[in-house]
């Protein structure tokens, strides 16, 4: 149903932004990949529009970080977490021990 796509995309963008905010707020070593997976997972659960938004945002962010000099290994690991969540994988697979339960 094509008419649902824009709303799904907006919701997915919101999910990605919320995961990013939580990552910044948590400021927890080793939690980066968890928040990547979680944002992508939550966005994709909204439907094709959410999945599309997650992919566009994730790729844009990783391309920007690569341009700024982020290492290839870190970018590849971020993208693996992004794909994992976007394709329905459990974000908790990336959850570090000790991360507060509010996240």
PDB file of N, CA and C in Angstrom:
ATOM      1  N   UNK A   1       0.836  -1.172   0.000  1.00  0.00           N
ATOM      2  CA  UNK A   1       0.000   0.000   0.000  1.00  0.00           C
ATOM      3  C   UNK A   1       0.886   1.242   0.000  1.00  0.00           C
ATOM      4  N   UNK A   2       1.050   1.783  -1.172  1.00  0.00           N
ATOM      5  CA  UNK A   2       1.986   2.875  -1.396  1.00  0.00           C
ATOM      6  C   UNK A   2       1.701   4.102  -0.539  1.00  0.00           C
ATOM      7  N   UNK A   3       0.431   4.342  -0.229  1.00  0.00           N
ATOM      8  CA  UNK A   3       0.086   5.559   0.505  1.00  0.00           C
ATOM      9  C   UNK A   3       0.572   5.532   1.957  1.00  0.00           C
ATOM     10  N   UNK A   4       0.951   4.371   2.472  1.00  0.00           N
ATOM     11  CA  UNK A   4       1.472   4.269   3.835  1.00  0.00           C
ATOM     12  C   UNK A   4       2.974   4.573   3.901  1.00  0.00           C
ATOM     13  N   UNK A   5       3.637   4.515   2.748  1.00  0.00           N
ATOM     14  CA  UNK A   5       5.090   4.666   2.692  1.00  0.00           C
ATOM     15  C   UNK A   5       5.597   5.962   3.341  1.00  0.00           C
ATOM     16  N   UNK A   6       5.016   7.128   3.008  1.00  0.00           N
ATOM     17  CA  UNK A   6       5.546   8.370   3.609  1.00  0.00           C
ATOM     18  C   UNK A   6       5.462   8.389   5.134  1.00  0.00           C
ATOM     19  N   UNK A   7       4.348   7.943   5.683  1.00  0.00           N
ATOM     20  CA  UNK A   7       4.209   7.908   7.138  1.00  0.00           C
ATOM     21  C   UNK A   7       5.174   6.934   7.785  1.00  0.00           C
ATOM     22  N   UNK A   8       5.370   5.789   7.114  1.00  0.00           N
ATOM     23  CA  UNK A   8       6.337   4.812   7.619  1.00  0.00           C
ATOM     24  C   UNK A   8       7.743   5.406   7.599  1.00  0.00           C
ATOM     25  N   UNK A   9       8.060   6.119   6.521  1.00  0.00           N
ATOM     26  CA  UNK A   9       9.392   6.724   6.397  1.00  0.00           C
ATOM     27  C   UNK A   9       9.618   7.776   7.481  1.00  0.00           C
ATOM     28  N   UNK A  10       8.622   8.609   7.725  1.00  0.00           N
ATOM     29  CA  UNK A  10       8.754   9.620   8.782  1.00  0.00           C
ATOM     30  C   UNK A  10       8.905   8.961  10.148  1.00  0.00           C
ATOM     31  N   UNK A  11       8.107   7.936  10.394  1.00  0.00           N
ATOM     32  CA  UNK A  11       8.227   7.212  11.657  1.00  0.00           C
ATOM     33  C   UNK A  11       9.581   6.549  11.797  1.00  0.00           C
ATOM     34  N   UNK A  12      10.074   5.988  10.695  1.00  0.00           N
ATOM     35  CA  UNK A  12      11.393   5.359  10.712  1.00  0.00           C
ATOM     36  C   UNK A  12      12.495   6.362  10.985  1.00  0.00           C
ATOM     37  N   UNK A  13      12.373   7.549  10.398  1.00  0.00           N
ATOM     38  CA  UNK A  13      13.360   8.600  10.663  1.00  0.00           C
ATOM     39  C   UNK A  13      13.322   8.997  12.136  1.00  0.00           C
ATOM     40  N   UNK A  14      12.127   9.054  12.701  1.00  0.00           N
ATOM     41  CA  UNK A  14      11.990   9.347  14.134  1.00  0.00           C
ATOM     42  C   UNK A  14      12.679   8.268  14.968  1.00  0.00           C
ATOM     43  N   UNK A  15      12.459   6.999  14.618  1.00  0.00           N
ATOM     44  CA  UNK A  15      13.089   5.893  15.347  1.00  0.00           C
ATOM     45  C   UNK A  15      14.607   5.991  15.299  1.00  0.00           C
ATOM     46  N   UNK A  16      15.132   6.323  14.133  1.00  0.00           N
ATOM     47  CA  UNK A  16      16.581   6.457  13.991  1.00  0.00           C
ATOM     48  C   UNK A  16      17.101   7.612  14.856  1.00  0.00           C
ATOM     49  N   UNK A  17      16.386   8.726  14.846  1.00  0.00           N
ATOM     50  CA  UNK A  17      16.789   9.866  15.665  1.00  0.00           C
ATOM     51  C   UNK A  17      16.731   9.560  17.150  1.00  0.00           C
ATOM     52  N   UNK A  18      15.703   8.834  17.557  1.00  0.00           N
ATOM     53  CA  UNK A  18      15.576   8.467  18.970  1.00  0.00           C
ATOM     54  C   UNK A  18      16.719   7.549  19.396  1.00  0.00           C
ATOM     55  N   UNK A  19      17.058   6.577  18.557  1.00  0.00           N
ATOM     56  CA  UNK A  19      18.169   5.676  18.889  1.00  0.00           C
ATOM     57  C   UNK A  19      19.478   6.461  18.993  1.00  0.00           C
ATOM     58  N   UNK A  20      19.678   7.421  18.097  1.00  0.00           N
ATOM     59  CA  UNK A  20      20.887   8.247  18.148  1.00  0.00           C
ATOM     60  C   UNK A  20      20.928   9.068  19.443  1.00  0.00           C
ATOM     61  N   UNK A  21      19.788   9.668  19.801  1.00  0.00           N
ATOM     62  CA  UNK A  21      19.719  10.448  21.041  1.00  0.00           C
ATOM     63  C   UNK A  21      20.026   9.563  22.242  1.00  0.00           C
ATOM     64  N   UNK A  22      19.452   8.372  22.272  1.00  0.00           N
ATOM     65  CA  UNK A  22      19.719   7.458  23.383  1.00  0.00           C
ATOM     66  C   UNK A  22      21.195   7.070  23.435  1.00  0.00           C
ATOM     67  N   UNK A  23      21.806   6.881  22.270  1.00  0.00           N
ATOM     68  CA  UNK A  23      23.229   6.543  22.236  1.00  0.00           C
ATOM     69  C   UNK A  23      24.057   7.676  22.850  1.00  0.00           C
ATOM     70  N   UNK A  24      23.735   8.908  22.488  1.00  0.00           N
ATOM     71  CA  UNK A  24      24.452  10.067  23.025  1.00  0.00           C
ATOM     72  C   UNK A  24      24.203  10.188  24.532  1.00  0.00           C
ATOM     73  N   UNK A  25      22.939  10.036  24.937  1.00  0.00           N
ATOM     74  CA  UNK A  25      22.593  10.150  26.357  1.00  0.00           C
ATOM     75  C   UNK A  25      23.262   9.057  27.188  1.00  0.00           C
ATOM     76  N   UNK A  26      23.285   7.834  26.660  1.00  0.00           N
ATOM     77  CA  UNK A  26      23.855   6.711  27.406  1.00  0.00           C
ATOM     78  C   UNK A  26      25.358   6.885  27.575  1.00  0.00           C
ATOM     79  N   UNK A  27      26.017   7.364  26.520  1.00  0.00           N
ATOM     80  CA  UNK A  27      27.468   7.576  26.563  1.00  0.00           C
ATOM     81  C   UNK A  27      28.165   6.355  27.173  1.00  0.00           C
ATOM     82  N   UNK A  28      27.826   5.187  26.636  1.00  0.00           N
ATOM     83  CA  UNK A  28      28.270   3.917  27.214  1.00  0.00           C
ATOM     84  C   UNK A  28      29.240   3.230  26.264  1.00  0.00           C
ATOM     85  N   UNK A  29      30.431   2.954  26.728  1.00  0.00           N
ATOM     86  CA  UNK A  29      31.450   2.322  25.891  1.00  0.00           C
ATOM     87  C   UNK A  29      30.959   0.955  25.424  1.00  0.00           C
ATOM     88  N   UNK A  30      31.055   0.728  24.121  1.00  0.00           N
ATOM     89  CA  UNK A  30      30.678  -0.554  23.540  1.00  0.00           C
ATOM     90  C   UNK A  30      29.223  -0.663  23.133  1.00  0.00           C
ATOM     91  N   UNK A  31      28.437   0.409  23.303  1.00  0.00           N
ATOM     92  CA  UNK A  31      27.007   0.346  22.994  1.00  0.00           C
ATOM     93  C   UNK A  31      26.671   0.832  21.588  1.00  0.00           C
ATOM     94  N   UNK A  32      27.629   1.362  20.873  1.00  0.00           N
ATOM     95  CA  UNK A  32      27.402   1.948  19.553  1.00  0.00           C
ATOM     96  C   UNK A  32      26.646   0.999  18.620  1.00  0.00           C
ATOM     97  N   UNK A  33      27.118  -0.214  18.501  1.00  0.00           N
ATOM     98  CA  UNK A  33      26.504  -1.161  17.558  1.00  0.00           C
ATOM     99  C   UNK A  33      25.082  -1.525  17.982  1.00  0.00           C
ATOM    100  N   UNK A  34      24.841  -1.612  19.291  1.00  0.00           N
ATOM    101  CA  UNK A  34      23.491  -1.891  19.787  1.00  0.00           C
ATOM    102  C   UNK A  34      22.519  -0.810  19.312  1.00  0.00           C
ATOM    103  N   UNK A  35      22.901   0.455  19.449  1.00  0.00           N
ATOM    104  CA  UNK A  35      22.006   1.536  19.047  1.00  0.00           C
ATOM    105  C   UNK A  35      21.834   1.588  17.528  1.00  0.00           C
ATOM    106  N   UNK A  36      22.865   1.225  16.791  1.00  0.00           N
ATOM    107  CA  UNK A  36      22.721   1.109  15.332  1.00  0.00           C
ATOM    108  C   UNK A  36      21.672   0.053  15.004  1.00  0.00           C
ATOM    109  N   UNK A  37      21.824  -1.122  15.593  1.00  0.00           N
ATOM    110  CA  UNK A  37      20.890  -2.223  15.321  1.00  0.00           C
ATOM    111  C   UNK A  37      19.480  -1.863  15.776  1.00  0.00           C
ATOM    112  N   UNK A  38      19.361  -1.256  16.946  1.00  0.00           N
ATOM    113  CA  UNK A  38      18.037  -0.935  17.484  1.00  0.00           C
ATOM    114  C   UNK A  38      17.303   0.092  16.633  1.00  0.00           C
ATOM    115  N   UNK A  39      17.983   1.156  16.237  1.00  0.00           N
ATOM    116  CA  UNK A  39      17.339   2.163  15.400  1.00  0.00           C
ATOM    117  C   UNK A  39      16.846   1.581  14.089  1.00  0.00           C
ATOM    118  N   UNK A  40      17.688   0.781  13.452  1.00  0.00           N
ATOM    119  CA  UNK A  40      17.311   0.156  12.189  1.00  0.00           C
ATOM    120  C   UNK A  40      16.175  -0.842  12.374  1.00  0.00           C
ATOM    121  N   UNK A  41      16.221  -1.608  13.459  1.00  0.00           N
ATOM    122  CA  UNK A  41      15.174  -2.588  13.733  1.00  0.00           C
ATOM    123  C   UNK A  41      13.825  -1.899  13.924  1.00  0.00           C
ATOM    124  N   UNK A  42      13.799  -0.894  14.795  1.00  0.00           N
ATOM    125  CA  UNK A  42      12.543  -0.207  15.085  1.00  0.00           C
ATOM    126  C   UNK A  42      11.988   0.481  13.841  1.00  0.00           C
ATOM    127  N   UNK A  43      12.846   1.099  13.058  1.00  0.00           N
ATOM    128  CA  UNK A  43      12.392   1.758  11.834  1.00  0.00           C
ATOM    129  C   UNK A  43      11.821   0.744  10.850  1.00  0.00           C
ATOM    130  N   UNK A  44      12.500  -0.368  10.667  1.00  0.00           N
ATOM    131  CA  UNK A  44      12.057  -1.381   9.703  1.00  0.00           C
ATOM    132  C   UNK A  44      10.745  -2.031  10.117  1.00  0.00           C
ATOM    133  N   UNK A  45      10.464  -2.077  11.414  1.00  0.00           N
ATOM    134  CA  UNK A  45       9.211  -2.665  11.886  1.00  0.00           C
ATOM    135  C   UNK A  45       7.999  -1.857  11.439  1.00  0.00           C
ATOM    136  N   UNK A  46       8.200  -0.637  11.020  1.00  0.00           N
ATOM    137  CA  UNK A  46       7.101   0.209  10.552  1.00  0.00           C
ATOM    138  C   UNK A  46       6.639  -0.162   9.148  1.00  0.00           C
ATOM    139  N   UNK A  47       7.460  -0.892   8.416  1.00  0.00           N
ATOM    140  CA  UNK A  47       7.107  -1.282   7.059  1.00  0.00           C
ATOM    141  C   UNK A  47       8.156  -0.823   6.067  1.00  0.00           C
ATOM    142  N   UNK A  48       7.856  -0.972   4.766  1.00  0.00           N
ATOM    143  CA  UNK A  48       8.843  -0.634   3.733  1.00  0.00           C
ATOM    144  C   UNK A  48       9.361   0.802   3.808  1.00  0.00           C
ATOM    145  N   UNK A  49       8.509   1.743   4.148  1.00  0.00           N
ATOM    146  CA  UNK A  49       8.965   3.128   4.256  1.00  0.00           C
ATOM    147  C   UNK A  49       9.953   3.321   5.389  1.00  0.00           C
ATOM    148  N   UNK A  50       9.706   2.674   6.504  1.00  0.00           N
ATOM    149  CA  UNK A  50      10.627   2.757   7.635  1.00  0.00           C
ATOM    150  C   UNK A  50      11.953   2.101   7.332  1.00  0.00           C
ATOM    151  N   UNK A  51      11.883   0.952   6.655  1.00  0.00           N
ATOM    152  CA  UNK A  51      13.120   0.254   6.277  1.00  0.00           C
ATOM    153  C   UNK A  51      13.935   1.112   5.317  1.00  0.00           C
ATOM    154  N   UNK A  52      13.255   1.740   4.371  1.00  0.00           N
ATOM    155  CA  UNK A  52      13.932   2.622   3.420  1.00  0.00           C
ATOM    156  C   UNK A  52      14.600   3.788   4.149  1.00  0.00           C
ATOM    157  N   UNK A  53      13.861   4.431   5.066  1.00  0.00           N
ATOM    158  CA  UNK A  53      14.423   5.562   5.812  1.00  0.00           C
ATOM    159  C   UNK A  53      15.653   5.130   6.601  1.00  0.00           C
ATOM    160  N   UNK A  54      15.577   3.966   7.237  1.00  0.00           N
ATOM    161  CA  UNK A  54      16.716   3.466   8.013  1.00  0.00           C
ATOM    162  C   UNK A  54      17.932   3.261   7.120  1.00  0.00           C
ATOM    163  N   UNK A  55      17.715   2.723   5.933  1.00  0.00           N
ATOM    164  CA  UNK A  55      18.833   2.477   5.018  1.00  0.00           C
ATOM    165  C   UNK A  55      19.453   3.786   4.540  1.00  0.00           C
ATOM    166  N   UNK A  56      18.610   4.732   4.163  1.00  0.00           N
ATOM    167  CA  UNK A  56      19.109   6.021   3.676  1.00  0.00           C
ATOM    168  C   UNK A  56      19.882   6.752   4.777  1.00  0.00           C
ATOM    169  N   UNK A  57      19.322   6.791   5.968  1.00  0.00           N
ATOM    170  CA  UNK A  57      19.972   7.488   7.082  1.00  0.00           C
ATOM    171  C   UNK A  57      21.270   6.787   7.465  1.00  0.00           C
ATOM    172  N   UNK A  58      21.229   5.459   7.562  1.00  0.00           N
ATOM    173  CA  UNK A  58      22.431   4.702   7.939  1.00  0.00           C
ATOM    174  C   UNK A  58      23.542   4.882   6.919  1.00  0.00           C
ATOM    175  N   UNK A  59      23.206   4.752   5.644  1.00  0.00           N
ATOM    176  CA  UNK A  59      24.225   4.898   4.609  1.00  0.00           C
ATOM    177  C   UNK A  59      24.777   6.316   4.574  1.00  0.00           C
ATOM    178  N   UNK A  60      23.908   7.299   4.736  1.00  0.00           N
ATOM    179  CA  UNK A  60      24.370   8.683   4.761  1.00  0.00           C
ATOM    180  C   UNK A  60      25.316   8.946   5.918  1.00  0.00           C
ATOM    181  N   UNK A  61      24.966   8.430   7.072  1.00  0.00           N
ATOM    182  CA  UNK A  61      25.809   8.636   8.256  1.00  0.00           C
ATOM    183  C   UNK A  61      27.161   7.955   8.083  1.00  0.00           C
ATOM    184  N   UNK A  62      27.151   6.732   7.594  1.00  0.00           N
ATOM    185  CA  UNK A  62      28.415   6.006   7.431  1.00  0.00           C
ATOM    186  C   UNK A  62      29.273   6.634   6.340  1.00  0.00           C
ATOM    187  N   UNK A  63      28.646   7.093   5.266  1.00  0.00           N
ATOM    188  CA  UNK A  63      29.409   7.769   4.211  1.00  0.00           C
ATOM    189  C   UNK A  63      30.038   9.055   4.744  1.00  0.00           C
ATOM    190  N   UNK A  64      29.289   9.796   5.552  1.00  0.00           N
ATOM    191  CA  UNK A  64      29.821  11.026   6.138  1.00  0.00           C
ATOM    192  C   UNK A  64      30.988  10.714   7.070  1.00  0.00           C
ATOM    193  N   UNK A  65      30.843   9.679   7.889  1.00  0.00           N
ATOM    194  CA  UNK A  65      31.922   9.329   8.808  1.00  0.00           C
ATOM    195  C   UNK A  65      33.155   8.842   8.053  1.00  0.00           C
ATOM    196  N   UNK A  66      32.952   8.118   6.969  1.00  0.00           N
ATOM    197  CA  UNK A  66      34.091   7.681   6.154  1.00  0.00           C
ATOM    198  C   UNK A  66      34.802   8.885   5.557  1.00  0.00           C
ATOM    199  N   UNK A  67      34.024   9.837   5.072  1.00  0.00           N
ATOM    200  CA  UNK A  67      34.583  11.061   4.506  1.00  0.00           C
ATOM    201  C   UNK A  67      35.410  11.807   5.554  1.00  0.00           C
ATOM    202  N   UNK A  68      34.946  11.772   6.802  1.00  0.00           N
ATOM    203  CA  UNK A  68      35.636  12.468   7.892  1.00  0.00           C
ATOM    204  C   UNK A  68      36.819  11.684   8.435  1.00  0.00           C
ATOM    205  N   UNK A  69      37.035  10.473   7.929  1.00  0.00           N
ATOM    206  CA  UNK A  69      38.222   9.730   8.319  1.00  0.00           C
ATOM    207  C   UNK A  69      37.999   8.566   9.258  1.00  0.00           C
ATOM    208  N   UNK A  70      36.760   8.173   9.468  1.00  0.00           N
ATOM    209  CA  UNK A  70      36.494   7.003  10.308  1.00  0.00           C
ATOM    210  C   UNK A  70      37.073   5.768   9.631  1.00  0.00           C
ATOM    211  N   UNK A  71      37.586   4.861  10.404  1.00  0.00           N
ATOM    212  CA  UNK A  71      38.220   3.669   9.855  1.00  0.00           C
ATOM    213  C   UNK A  71      37.258   2.755   9.124  1.00  0.00           C
ATOM    214  N   UNK A  72      37.768   2.066   8.118  1.00  0.00           N
ATOM    215  CA  UNK A  72      36.957   1.144   7.322  1.00  0.00           C
ATOM    216  C   UNK A  72      36.368   0.032   8.186  1.00  0.00           C
ATOM    217  N   UNK A  73      37.148  -0.473   9.137  1.00  0.00           N
ATOM    218  CA  UNK A  73      36.675  -1.570   9.983  1.00  0.00           C
ATOM    219  C   UNK A  73      35.483  -1.127  10.823  1.00  0.00           C
ATOM    220  N   UNK A  74      35.544   0.082  11.376  1.00  0.00           N
ATOM    221  CA  UNK A  74      34.440   0.583  12.189  1.00  0.00           C
ATOM    222  C   UNK A  74      33.200   0.803  11.336  1.00  0.00           C
ATOM    223  N   UNK A  75      33.388   1.351  10.137  1.00  0.00           N
ATOM    224  CA  UNK A  75      32.267   1.560   9.232  1.00  0.00           C
ATOM    225  C   UNK A  75      31.629   0.230   8.860  1.00  0.00           C
ATOM    226  N   UNK A  76      32.444  -0.766   8.556  1.00  0.00           N
ATOM    227  CA  UNK A  76      31.916  -2.086   8.197  1.00  0.00           C
ATOM    228  C   UNK A  76      31.160  -2.709   9.367  1.00  0.00           C
ATOM    229  N   UNK A  77      31.668  -2.548  10.578  1.00  0.00           N
ATOM    230  CA  UNK A  77      30.993  -3.097  11.760  1.00  0.00           C
ATOM    231  C   UNK A  77      29.676  -2.368  12.022  1.00  0.00           C
ATOM    232  N   UNK A  78      29.664  -1.054  11.834  1.00  0.00           N
ATOM    233  CA  UNK A  78      28.418  -0.295  11.976  1.00  0.00           C
ATOM    234  C   UNK A  78      27.395  -0.769  10.960  1.00  0.00           C
ATOM    235  N   UNK A  79      27.831  -0.947   9.713  1.00  0.00           N
ATOM    236  CA  UNK A  79      26.903  -1.380   8.666  1.00  0.00           C
ATOM    237  C   UNK A  79      26.388  -2.795   8.924  1.00  0.00           C
ATOM    238  N   UNK A  80      27.214  -3.660   9.485  1.00  0.00           N
ATOM    239  CA  UNK A  80      26.754  -5.010   9.827  1.00  0.00           C
ATOM    240  C   UNK A  80      25.645  -4.926  10.872  1.00  0.00           C
ATOM    241  N   UNK A  81      25.816  -4.066  11.876  1.00  0.00           N
ATOM    242  CA  UNK A  81      24.775  -3.886  12.894  1.00  0.00           C
ATOM    243  C   UNK A  81      23.525  -3.265  12.280  1.00  0.00           C
ATOM    244  N   UNK A  82      23.709  -2.311  11.370  1.00  0.00           N
ATOM    245  CA  UNK A  82      22.572  -1.698  10.680  1.00  0.00           C
ATOM    246  C   UNK A  82      21.773  -2.749   9.918  1.00  0.00           C
ATOM    247  N   UNK A  83      22.457  -3.564   9.123  1.00  0.00           N
ATOM    248  CA  UNK A  83      21.788  -4.610   8.344  1.00  0.00           C
ATOM    249  C   UNK A  83      21.097  -5.611   9.250  1.00  0.00           C
ATOM    250  N   UNK A  84      21.766  -5.990  10.325  1.00  0.00           N
ATOM    251  CA  UNK A  84      21.206  -6.959  11.269  1.00  0.00           C
ATOM    252  C   UNK A  84      19.847  -6.476  11.772  1.00  0.00           C
ATOM    253  N   UNK A  85      19.798  -5.255  12.263  1.00  0.00           N
ATOM    254  CA  UNK A  85      18.549  -4.713  12.775  1.00  0.00           C
ATOM    255  C   UNK A  85      17.513  -4.493  11.696  1.00  0.00           C
ATOM    256  N   UNK A  86      17.930  -3.951  10.574  1.00  0.00           N
ATOM    257  CA  UNK A  86      17.004  -3.641   9.487  1.00  0.00           C
ATOM    258  C   UNK A  86      16.365  -4.898   8.914  1.00  0.00           C
ATOM    259  N   UNK A  87      17.071  -6.021   8.987  1.00  0.00           N
ATOM    260  CA  UNK A  87      16.547  -7.278   8.445  1.00  0.00           C
ATOM    261  C   UNK A  87      15.874  -8.138   9.506  1.00  0.00           C
ATOM    262  N   UNK A  88      15.538  -7.534  10.650  1.00  0.00           N
ATOM    263  CA  UNK A  88      14.757  -8.232  11.660  1.00  0.00           C
ATOM    264  C   UNK A  88      15.554  -8.930  12.736  1.00  0.00           C
ATOM    265  N   UNK A  89      16.884  -8.786  12.721  1.00  0.00           N
ATOM    266  CA  UNK A  89      17.704  -9.391  13.762  1.00  0.00           C
ATOM    267  C   UNK A  89      17.501  -8.691  15.102  1.00  0.00           C
ATOM    268  N   UNK A  90      17.649  -9.426  16.170  1.00  0.00           N
ATOM    269  CA  UNK A  90      17.444  -8.891  17.514  1.00  0.00           C
ATOM    270  C   UNK A  90      18.552  -7.898  17.871  1.00  0.00           C
ATOM    271  N   UNK A  91      18.202  -6.639  18.124  1.00  0.00           N
ATOM    272  CA  UNK A  91      19.225  -5.663  18.507  1.00  0.00           C
ATOM    273  C   UNK A  91      19.987  -6.063  19.765  1.00  0.00           C
ATOM    274  N   UNK A  92      19.349  -6.835  20.632  1.00  0.00           N
ATOM    275  CA  UNK A  92      20.002  -7.248  21.875  1.00  0.00           C
ATOM    276  C   UNK A  92      21.211  -8.138  21.629  1.00  0.00           C
ATOM    277  N   UNK A  93      21.353  -8.652  20.416  1.00  0.00           N
ATOM    278  CA  UNK A  93      22.563  -9.403  20.071  1.00  0.00           C
ATOM    279  C   UNK A  93      23.802  -8.513  20.205  1.00  0.00           C
ATOM    280  N   UNK A  94      23.603  -7.201  20.100  1.00  0.00           N
ATOM    281  CA  UNK A  94      24.697  -6.227  20.190  1.00  0.00           C
ATOM    282  C   UNK A  94      24.711  -5.480  21.527  1.00  0.00           C
ATOM    283  N   UNK A  95      23.793  -5.803  22.400  1.00  0.00           N
ATOM    284  CA  UNK A  95      23.675  -5.069  23.671  1.00  0.00           C
ATOM    285  C   UNK A  95      24.845  -5.407  24.593  1.00  0.00           C
ATOM    286  N   UNK A  96      25.587  -4.390  25.047  1.00  0.00           N
ATOM    287  CA  UNK A  96      26.702  -4.672  25.954  1.00  0.00           C
ATOM    288  C   UNK A  96      26.202  -4.928  27.375  1.00  0.00           C
ATOM    289  N   UNK A  97      26.917  -5.756  28.086  1.00  0.00           N
ATOM    290  CA  UNK A  97      26.586  -6.023  29.486  1.00  0.00           C
ATOM    291  C   UNK A  97      26.673  -4.722  30.276  1.00  0.00           C
ATOM    292  N   UNK A  98      25.711  -4.509  31.135  1.00  0.00           N
ATOM    293  CA  UNK A  98      25.735  -3.348  32.005  1.00  0.00           C
ATOM    294  C   UNK A  98      25.057  -2.107  31.463  1.00  0.00           C
ATOM    295  N   UNK A  99      24.617  -2.127  30.198  1.00  0.00           N
ATOM    296  CA  UNK A  99      23.905  -0.965  29.658  1.00  0.00           C
ATOM    297  C   UNK A  99      22.607  -0.802  30.456  1.00  0.00           C
ATOM    298  N   UNK A 100      22.326   0.392  30.971  1.00  0.00           N
ATOM    299  CA  UNK A 100      21.110   0.579  31.773  1.00  0.00           C
ATOM    300  C   UNK A 100      19.855   0.095  31.046  1.00  0.00           C
ATOM    301  N   UNK A 101      18.941  -0.489  31.808  1.00  0.00           N
ATOM    302  CA  UNK A 101      17.750  -1.119  31.232  1.00  0.00           C
ATOM    303  C   UNK A 101      16.817  -0.129  30.550  1.00  0.00           C
ATOM    304  N   UNK A 102      16.935   1.170  30.848  1.00  0.00           N
ATOM    305  CA  UNK A 102      16.047   2.138  30.190  1.00  0.00           C
ATOM    306  C   UNK A 102      16.334   2.250  28.696  1.00  0.00           C
ATOM    307  N   UNK A 103      17.455   1.688  28.249  1.00  0.00           N
ATOM    308  CA  UNK A 103      17.786   1.682  26.833  1.00  0.00           C
ATOM    309  C   UNK A 103      17.485   0.323  26.245  1.00  0.00           C
TER     310      UNK A 103
END
